[in-house]
């Protein structure tokens, strides 16, 4: 029985692994940004959290800054997790190394830019749409290539 990793270009797998770790780090930082905003705005959603700070503090579910970061983080979960799976499967299709490397890089950079223009320094559209579209197009391309390869 062969190892699935034996079917991959080792350098491409290293590229995938490195950029995947960068995406995980970005998602962890979004969690920390949510926490930072909650403390900065004193906008906690659980009664035990508010009570531990002050008995007068009430749960708050609608702070716009906290909710913006939470939406960006949720958008990450909706897009990054499928990318991890599809990009891994794409590597099994024996893609051109230059193309695969640059697709992975573009997707990750697009996602980082998306978080910056959505949650850190909000910019008007189409900044968020364009940065969102980069990873979406890369993922769709990889899905198409996998379907063709594995059919």
N, C-alpha and C. Protein backbone atom coordinates (compact mmCIF):
# COMPACT_ATOMS: atom_id res chain seq x y z
N UNK A 1 0.84 -1.18 0.00
CA UNK A 1 0.00 0.00 0.00
C UNK A 1 0.89 1.25 0.00
N UNK A 2 0.55 2.20 -0.87
CA UNK A 2 1.37 3.41 -0.96
C UNK A 2 0.82 4.49 -0.04
N UNK A 3 1.71 5.34 0.36
CA UNK A 3 1.36 6.48 1.19
C UNK A 3 0.83 7.59 0.28
N UNK A 4 -0.25 8.22 0.67
CA UNK A 4 -0.86 9.28 -0.15
C UNK A 4 0.12 10.43 -0.39
N UNK A 5 0.99 10.68 0.58
CA UNK A 5 1.96 11.76 0.41
C UNK A 5 3.02 11.42 -0.63
N UNK A 6 3.18 10.14 -0.94
CA UNK A 6 4.13 9.75 -1.98
C UNK A 6 3.66 10.19 -3.36
N UNK A 7 2.37 10.48 -3.49
CA UNK A 7 1.81 10.91 -4.77
C UNK A 7 1.97 12.41 -4.99
N UNK A 8 2.49 13.12 -4.02
CA UNK A 8 2.62 14.58 -4.10
C UNK A 8 4.06 14.99 -4.29
N UNK A 9 4.21 16.10 -4.97
CA UNK A 9 5.51 16.75 -5.08
C UNK A 9 5.86 17.26 -3.67
N UNK A 10 6.99 16.83 -3.11
CA UNK A 10 7.34 17.24 -1.74
C UNK A 10 7.44 18.75 -1.56
N UNK A 11 7.96 19.45 -2.55
CA UNK A 11 8.06 20.91 -2.44
C UNK A 11 6.69 21.57 -2.46
N UNK A 12 5.79 21.04 -3.28
CA UNK A 12 4.42 21.57 -3.29
C UNK A 12 3.73 21.32 -1.96
N UNK A 13 3.96 20.15 -1.39
CA UNK A 13 3.36 19.88 -0.09
C UNK A 13 3.91 20.83 0.97
N UNK A 14 5.21 21.11 0.91
CA UNK A 14 5.82 22.08 1.85
C UNK A 14 5.18 23.46 1.68
N UNK A 15 4.95 23.85 0.42
CA UNK A 15 4.29 25.14 0.15
C UNK A 15 2.89 25.15 0.74
N UNK A 16 2.15 24.07 0.48
CA UNK A 16 0.78 23.95 1.02
C UNK A 16 0.81 24.01 2.55
N UNK A 17 1.71 23.26 3.16
CA UNK A 17 1.79 23.21 4.62
C UNK A 17 2.13 24.58 5.20
N UNK A 18 3.13 25.25 4.62
CA UNK A 18 3.54 26.56 5.12
C UNK A 18 2.38 27.56 5.05
N UNK A 19 1.76 27.68 3.88
CA UNK A 19 0.70 28.67 3.71
C UNK A 19 -0.56 28.29 4.49
N UNK A 20 -0.78 27.00 4.71
CA UNK A 20 -1.90 26.57 5.56
C UNK A 20 -1.68 27.01 7.00
N UNK A 21 -0.45 26.89 7.46
CA UNK A 21 -0.13 27.35 8.82
C UNK A 21 -0.32 28.86 8.92
N UNK A 22 0.04 29.58 7.89
CA UNK A 22 -0.19 31.04 7.89
C UNK A 22 -1.68 31.34 8.00
N UNK A 23 -2.51 30.59 7.28
CA UNK A 23 -3.97 30.79 7.38
C UNK A 23 -4.49 30.46 8.77
N UNK A 24 -3.98 29.40 9.37
CA UNK A 24 -4.40 29.06 10.74
C UNK A 24 -3.98 30.17 11.70
N UNK A 25 -2.77 30.67 11.55
CA UNK A 25 -2.31 31.79 12.38
C UNK A 25 -3.23 32.99 12.20
N UNK A 26 -3.61 33.30 10.98
CA UNK A 26 -4.50 34.42 10.71
C UNK A 26 -5.84 34.22 11.42
N UNK A 27 -6.36 33.00 11.39
CA UNK A 27 -7.63 32.73 12.06
C UNK A 27 -7.50 32.86 13.58
N UNK A 28 -6.37 32.42 14.13
CA UNK A 28 -6.13 32.59 15.57
C UNK A 28 -6.05 34.07 15.91
N UNK A 29 -5.39 34.84 15.07
CA UNK A 29 -5.30 36.29 15.31
C UNK A 29 -6.68 36.95 15.25
N UNK A 30 -7.56 36.43 14.40
CA UNK A 30 -8.93 36.98 14.35
C UNK A 30 -9.66 36.70 15.68
N UNK A 31 -9.41 35.55 16.27
CA UNK A 31 -9.98 35.24 17.58
C UNK A 31 -9.47 36.23 18.62
N UNK A 32 -8.16 36.49 18.57
CA UNK A 32 -7.58 37.45 19.52
C UNK A 32 -8.11 38.86 19.27
N UNK A 33 -8.32 39.22 18.01
CA UNK A 33 -8.87 40.54 17.70
C UNK A 33 -10.30 40.67 18.23
N UNK A 34 -11.07 39.62 18.14
CA UNK A 34 -12.42 39.63 18.71
C UNK A 34 -12.34 39.86 20.22
N UNK A 35 -11.46 39.14 20.88
CA UNK A 35 -11.30 39.27 22.32
C UNK A 35 -10.85 40.68 22.69
N UNK A 36 -9.89 41.20 21.95
CA UNK A 36 -9.40 42.56 22.19
C UNK A 36 -10.54 43.57 22.06
N UNK A 37 -11.35 43.45 21.02
CA UNK A 37 -12.48 44.36 20.84
C UNK A 37 -13.51 44.20 21.95
N UNK A 38 -13.74 42.98 22.40
CA UNK A 38 -14.69 42.78 23.50
C UNK A 38 -14.22 43.52 24.75
N UNK A 39 -12.94 43.43 25.07
CA UNK A 39 -12.42 44.13 26.26
C UNK A 39 -12.40 45.64 26.04
N UNK A 40 -12.00 46.06 24.86
CA UNK A 40 -11.93 47.49 24.57
C UNK A 40 -13.30 48.15 24.67
N UNK A 41 -14.32 47.45 24.20
CA UNK A 41 -15.68 47.99 24.18
C UNK A 41 -16.54 47.49 25.35
N UNK A 42 -15.97 46.63 26.19
CA UNK A 42 -16.71 46.01 27.29
C UNK A 42 -18.02 45.40 26.78
N UNK A 43 -17.88 44.65 25.70
CA UNK A 43 -19.04 44.05 25.04
C UNK A 43 -18.95 42.53 25.12
N UNK A 44 -19.31 42.02 26.28
CA UNK A 44 -19.26 40.57 26.51
C UNK A 44 -20.66 40.01 26.37
N UNK A 45 -20.77 38.80 25.84
CA UNK A 45 -22.10 38.24 25.58
C UNK A 45 -22.57 37.26 26.66
N UNK A 46 -21.70 36.87 27.56
CA UNK A 46 -22.08 35.90 28.58
C UNK A 46 -22.17 36.58 29.95
N UNK A 47 -23.23 36.28 30.70
CA UNK A 47 -23.41 36.92 32.02
C UNK A 47 -22.23 36.66 32.97
N UNK A 48 -21.64 35.46 32.90
CA UNK A 48 -20.52 35.18 33.81
C UNK A 48 -19.30 36.03 33.47
N UNK A 49 -19.15 36.40 32.19
CA UNK A 49 -18.03 37.27 31.80
C UNK A 49 -18.26 38.69 32.31
N UNK A 50 -19.47 39.19 32.14
CA UNK A 50 -19.75 40.55 32.61
C UNK A 50 -19.68 40.62 34.14
N UNK A 51 -20.20 39.60 34.82
CA UNK A 51 -20.20 39.60 36.29
C UNK A 51 -18.78 39.56 36.85
N UNK A 52 -17.87 38.92 36.15
CA UNK A 52 -16.50 38.84 36.65
C UNK A 52 -15.78 40.18 36.57
N UNK A 53 -16.31 41.10 35.75
CA UNK A 53 -15.70 42.42 35.61
C UNK A 53 -16.42 43.44 36.49
N UNK A 54 -17.75 43.42 36.41
CA UNK A 54 -18.54 44.35 37.21
C UNK A 54 -19.98 43.85 37.27
N UNK A 55 -20.59 43.98 38.42
CA UNK A 55 -21.98 43.56 38.57
C UNK A 55 -22.92 44.46 37.78
N UNK A 56 -22.49 45.67 37.49
CA UNK A 56 -23.32 46.62 36.74
C UNK A 56 -23.28 46.37 35.24
N UNK A 57 -22.27 45.68 34.78
CA UNK A 57 -22.11 45.42 33.35
C UNK A 57 -23.09 44.35 32.89
N UNK A 58 -23.79 44.63 31.79
CA UNK A 58 -24.77 43.70 31.24
C UNK A 58 -24.25 43.10 29.94
N UNK A 59 -24.68 41.88 29.62
CA UNK A 59 -24.27 41.29 28.34
C UNK A 59 -24.67 42.19 27.17
N UNK A 60 -23.79 42.23 26.18
CA UNK A 60 -24.02 43.08 25.00
C UNK A 60 -23.75 42.24 23.76
N UNK A 61 -24.74 42.17 22.89
CA UNK A 61 -24.65 41.30 21.72
C UNK A 61 -24.51 42.07 20.41
N UNK A 62 -24.55 43.38 20.45
CA UNK A 62 -24.67 44.13 19.21
C UNK A 62 -23.62 45.23 19.01
N UNK A 63 -22.47 45.06 19.59
CA UNK A 63 -21.43 46.07 19.38
C UNK A 63 -20.95 45.96 17.93
N UNK A 64 -20.98 47.05 17.17
CA UNK A 64 -20.63 46.98 15.75
C UNK A 64 -19.18 46.56 15.48
N UNK A 65 -18.26 46.96 16.33
CA UNK A 65 -16.85 46.59 16.11
C UNK A 65 -16.62 45.11 16.38
N UNK A 66 -17.19 44.62 17.46
CA UNK A 66 -17.06 43.20 17.78
C UNK A 66 -17.73 42.36 16.70
N UNK A 67 -18.92 42.76 16.30
CA UNK A 67 -19.67 41.99 15.30
C UNK A 67 -18.97 42.00 13.94
N UNK A 68 -18.32 43.08 13.59
CA UNK A 68 -17.60 43.14 12.31
C UNK A 68 -16.47 42.11 12.30
N UNK A 69 -15.71 42.03 13.38
CA UNK A 69 -14.62 41.06 13.45
C UNK A 69 -15.18 39.64 13.48
N UNK A 70 -16.27 39.43 14.19
CA UNK A 70 -16.88 38.11 14.24
C UNK A 70 -17.38 37.68 12.86
N UNK A 71 -17.95 38.60 12.10
CA UNK A 71 -18.41 38.27 10.74
C UNK A 71 -17.21 37.92 9.85
N UNK A 72 -16.14 38.67 9.98
CA UNK A 72 -14.94 38.38 9.18
C UNK A 72 -14.38 37.00 9.56
N UNK A 73 -14.39 36.69 10.84
CA UNK A 73 -13.89 35.40 11.30
C UNK A 73 -14.79 34.27 10.79
N UNK A 74 -16.10 34.46 10.86
CA UNK A 74 -17.03 33.45 10.35
C UNK A 74 -16.82 33.26 8.85
N UNK A 75 -16.57 34.35 8.13
CA UNK A 75 -16.30 34.26 6.70
C UNK A 75 -15.04 33.45 6.45
N UNK A 76 -14.04 33.61 7.32
CA UNK A 76 -12.82 32.78 7.23
C UNK A 76 -13.18 31.30 7.34
N UNK A 77 -13.98 30.96 8.33
CA UNK A 77 -14.34 29.56 8.54
C UNK A 77 -15.08 29.00 7.33
N UNK A 78 -15.91 29.81 6.72
CA UNK A 78 -16.69 29.36 5.57
C UNK A 78 -15.84 29.19 4.32
N UNK A 79 -14.69 29.84 4.25
CA UNK A 79 -13.88 29.81 3.04
C UNK A 79 -12.54 29.10 3.21
N UNK A 80 -11.90 29.26 4.35
CA UNK A 80 -10.58 28.67 4.55
C UNK A 80 -10.66 27.16 4.75
N UNK A 81 -11.62 26.70 5.53
CA UNK A 81 -11.70 25.26 5.78
C UNK A 81 -11.94 24.47 4.50
N UNK A 82 -12.87 24.87 3.62
CA UNK A 82 -12.98 24.15 2.34
C UNK A 82 -11.71 24.25 1.50
N UNK A 83 -11.04 25.40 1.55
CA UNK A 83 -9.80 25.56 0.80
C UNK A 83 -8.76 24.53 1.24
N UNK A 84 -8.63 24.30 2.56
CA UNK A 84 -7.66 23.31 3.04
C UNK A 84 -7.90 21.96 2.38
N UNK A 85 -9.13 21.52 2.34
CA UNK A 85 -9.46 20.20 1.78
C UNK A 85 -9.21 20.18 0.28
N UNK A 86 -9.75 21.17 -0.42
CA UNK A 86 -9.65 21.19 -1.88
C UNK A 86 -8.20 21.35 -2.33
N UNK A 87 -7.45 22.21 -1.67
CA UNK A 87 -6.05 22.41 -2.06
C UNK A 87 -5.24 21.13 -1.84
N UNK A 88 -5.52 20.42 -0.76
CA UNK A 88 -4.82 19.15 -0.51
C UNK A 88 -5.15 18.16 -1.62
N UNK A 89 -6.41 18.04 -1.97
CA UNK A 89 -6.81 17.12 -3.05
C UNK A 89 -6.22 17.56 -4.39
N UNK A 90 -6.17 18.86 -4.60
CA UNK A 90 -5.59 19.40 -5.83
C UNK A 90 -4.13 18.97 -5.98
N UNK A 91 -3.40 18.91 -4.88
CA UNK A 91 -2.00 18.49 -4.93
C UNK A 91 -1.86 17.04 -5.39
N UNK A 92 -2.91 16.25 -5.21
CA UNK A 92 -2.89 14.85 -5.66
C UNK A 92 -3.10 14.72 -7.17
N UNK A 93 -3.46 15.81 -7.84
CA UNK A 93 -3.71 15.77 -9.29
C UNK A 93 -2.44 16.00 -10.10
N UNK A 94 -1.30 16.08 -9.43
CA UNK A 94 -0.02 16.33 -10.09
C UNK A 94 -0.04 17.65 -10.88
N UNK A 95 -0.39 18.75 -10.20
CA UNK A 95 -0.47 20.02 -10.90
C UNK A 95 0.91 20.58 -11.25
N UNK A 96 0.91 21.55 -12.14
CA UNK A 96 2.14 22.26 -12.46
C UNK A 96 2.61 22.96 -11.17
N UNK A 97 3.84 22.72 -10.73
CA UNK A 97 4.32 23.29 -9.46
C UNK A 97 4.26 24.81 -9.41
N UNK A 98 4.63 25.48 -10.49
CA UNK A 98 4.60 26.94 -10.50
C UNK A 98 3.17 27.45 -10.32
N UNK A 99 2.24 26.86 -11.07
CA UNK A 99 0.83 27.29 -10.98
C UNK A 99 0.27 26.99 -9.60
N UNK A 100 0.48 25.80 -9.09
CA UNK A 100 -0.06 25.42 -7.79
C UNK A 100 0.49 26.31 -6.68
N UNK A 101 1.78 26.56 -6.72
CA UNK A 101 2.40 27.43 -5.70
C UNK A 101 1.78 28.82 -5.73
N UNK A 102 1.63 29.38 -6.91
CA UNK A 102 1.10 30.73 -7.01
C UNK A 102 -0.40 30.80 -6.71
N UNK A 103 -1.14 29.75 -7.01
CA UNK A 103 -2.55 29.71 -6.63
C UNK A 103 -2.70 29.70 -5.11
N UNK A 104 -1.90 28.89 -4.46
CA UNK A 104 -1.96 28.82 -2.99
C UNK A 104 -1.57 30.17 -2.38
N UNK A 105 -0.49 30.73 -2.86
CA UNK A 105 -0.07 32.05 -2.35
C UNK A 105 -1.14 33.11 -2.57
N UNK A 106 -1.70 33.14 -3.77
CA UNK A 106 -2.73 34.14 -4.08
C UNK A 106 -3.93 33.99 -3.16
N UNK A 107 -4.36 32.74 -2.93
CA UNK A 107 -5.51 32.51 -2.07
C UNK A 107 -5.25 33.02 -0.65
N UNK A 108 -4.07 32.72 -0.13
CA UNK A 108 -3.74 33.13 1.24
C UNK A 108 -3.61 34.66 1.33
N UNK A 109 -2.94 35.25 0.39
CA UNK A 109 -2.79 36.71 0.41
C UNK A 109 -4.15 37.38 0.26
N UNK A 110 -4.99 36.83 -0.61
CA UNK A 110 -6.34 37.36 -0.76
C UNK A 110 -7.11 37.31 0.54
N UNK A 111 -6.95 36.22 1.27
CA UNK A 111 -7.66 36.06 2.55
C UNK A 111 -7.14 37.03 3.59
N UNK A 112 -5.83 37.24 3.63
CA UNK A 112 -5.26 38.20 4.58
C UNK A 112 -5.76 39.60 4.27
N UNK A 113 -5.73 39.96 2.99
CA UNK A 113 -6.23 41.28 2.59
C UNK A 113 -7.71 41.41 2.94
N UNK A 114 -8.47 40.34 2.74
CA UNK A 114 -9.90 40.37 3.07
C UNK A 114 -10.11 40.72 4.55
N UNK A 115 -9.35 40.08 5.43
CA UNK A 115 -9.49 40.38 6.86
C UNK A 115 -9.09 41.81 7.18
N UNK A 116 -8.05 42.28 6.52
CA UNK A 116 -7.61 43.66 6.77
C UNK A 116 -8.67 44.67 6.34
N UNK A 117 -9.24 44.49 5.15
CA UNK A 117 -10.19 45.49 4.65
C UNK A 117 -11.59 45.29 5.23
N UNK A 118 -11.83 44.15 5.88
CA UNK A 118 -13.13 43.90 6.48
C UNK A 118 -13.13 44.25 7.96
N UNK A 119 -12.11 43.81 8.69
CA UNK A 119 -12.17 43.89 10.14
C UNK A 119 -11.15 44.82 10.79
N UNK A 120 -10.04 45.08 10.12
CA UNK A 120 -8.99 45.87 10.76
C UNK A 120 -9.08 47.34 10.32
N UNK A 121 -9.00 47.57 9.03
CA UNK A 121 -9.13 48.92 8.47
C UNK A 121 -10.20 48.88 7.39
N UNK A 122 -11.49 48.90 7.78
CA UNK A 122 -12.56 48.73 6.80
C UNK A 122 -12.47 49.74 5.65
N UNK A 123 -12.52 49.18 4.45
CA UNK A 123 -12.51 49.99 3.24
C UNK A 123 -13.83 49.79 2.51
N UNK A 124 -14.22 50.77 1.72
CA UNK A 124 -15.47 50.60 0.96
C UNK A 124 -15.32 49.52 -0.10
N UNK A 125 -16.46 49.00 -0.54
CA UNK A 125 -16.44 48.04 -1.64
C UNK A 125 -15.89 48.75 -2.86
N UNK A 126 -15.23 48.07 -3.76
CA UNK A 126 -15.16 46.62 -3.93
C UNK A 126 -13.95 45.97 -3.28
N UNK A 127 -13.27 46.63 -2.34
CA UNK A 127 -12.05 46.06 -1.74
C UNK A 127 -12.32 44.69 -1.12
N UNK A 128 -13.38 44.60 -0.33
CA UNK A 128 -13.67 43.33 0.34
C UNK A 128 -14.11 42.28 -0.68
N UNK A 129 -14.93 42.67 -1.64
CA UNK A 129 -15.40 41.74 -2.67
C UNK A 129 -14.25 41.18 -3.50
N UNK A 130 -13.34 42.04 -3.90
CA UNK A 130 -12.20 41.59 -4.72
C UNK A 130 -11.29 40.65 -3.94
N UNK A 131 -11.00 41.01 -2.70
CA UNK A 131 -10.12 40.15 -1.90
C UNK A 131 -10.81 38.83 -1.57
N UNK A 132 -12.11 38.85 -1.35
CA UNK A 132 -12.88 37.62 -1.15
C UNK A 132 -12.83 36.76 -2.40
N UNK A 133 -12.98 37.40 -3.54
CA UNK A 133 -13.04 36.69 -4.81
C UNK A 133 -11.78 35.94 -5.17
N UNK A 134 -10.64 36.40 -4.69
CA UNK A 134 -9.37 35.74 -5.02
C UNK A 134 -9.39 34.29 -4.53
N UNK A 135 -9.65 34.09 -3.23
CA UNK A 135 -9.66 32.72 -2.72
C UNK A 135 -10.81 31.92 -3.33
N UNK A 136 -11.95 32.56 -3.52
CA UNK A 136 -13.09 31.85 -4.09
C UNK A 136 -12.76 31.33 -5.49
N UNK A 137 -12.15 32.17 -6.32
CA UNK A 137 -11.80 31.73 -7.68
C UNK A 137 -10.74 30.63 -7.66
N UNK A 138 -9.75 30.77 -6.79
CA UNK A 138 -8.72 29.73 -6.67
C UNK A 138 -9.36 28.41 -6.23
N UNK A 139 -10.22 28.46 -5.24
CA UNK A 139 -10.88 27.25 -4.74
C UNK A 139 -11.75 26.62 -5.82
N UNK A 140 -12.51 27.43 -6.55
CA UNK A 140 -13.34 26.89 -7.63
C UNK A 140 -12.50 26.27 -8.73
N UNK A 141 -11.38 26.91 -9.07
CA UNK A 141 -10.47 26.35 -10.07
C UNK A 141 -9.97 24.99 -9.61
N UNK A 142 -9.55 24.90 -8.34
CA UNK A 142 -9.04 23.64 -7.82
C UNK A 142 -10.13 22.58 -7.78
N UNK A 143 -11.34 22.98 -7.43
CA UNK A 143 -12.46 22.03 -7.42
C UNK A 143 -12.66 21.47 -8.83
N UNK A 144 -12.68 22.35 -9.82
CA UNK A 144 -12.87 21.93 -11.21
C UNK A 144 -11.76 20.95 -11.62
N UNK A 145 -10.51 21.28 -11.31
CA UNK A 145 -9.39 20.41 -11.67
C UNK A 145 -9.50 19.05 -10.97
N UNK A 146 -9.93 19.04 -9.72
CA UNK A 146 -10.10 17.78 -9.00
C UNK A 146 -11.22 16.94 -9.60
N UNK A 147 -12.32 17.58 -9.94
CA UNK A 147 -13.43 16.84 -10.55
C UNK A 147 -12.97 16.18 -11.84
N UNK A 148 -12.29 16.95 -12.68
CA UNK A 148 -11.80 16.41 -13.95
C UNK A 148 -10.82 15.26 -13.72
N UNK A 149 -9.93 15.42 -12.77
CA UNK A 149 -8.90 14.41 -12.51
C UNK A 149 -9.48 13.13 -11.91
N UNK A 150 -10.40 13.31 -10.95
CA UNK A 150 -10.88 12.14 -10.19
C UNK A 150 -12.13 11.49 -10.80
N UNK A 151 -12.63 12.01 -11.89
CA UNK A 151 -13.85 11.47 -12.50
C UNK A 151 -13.66 10.06 -13.04
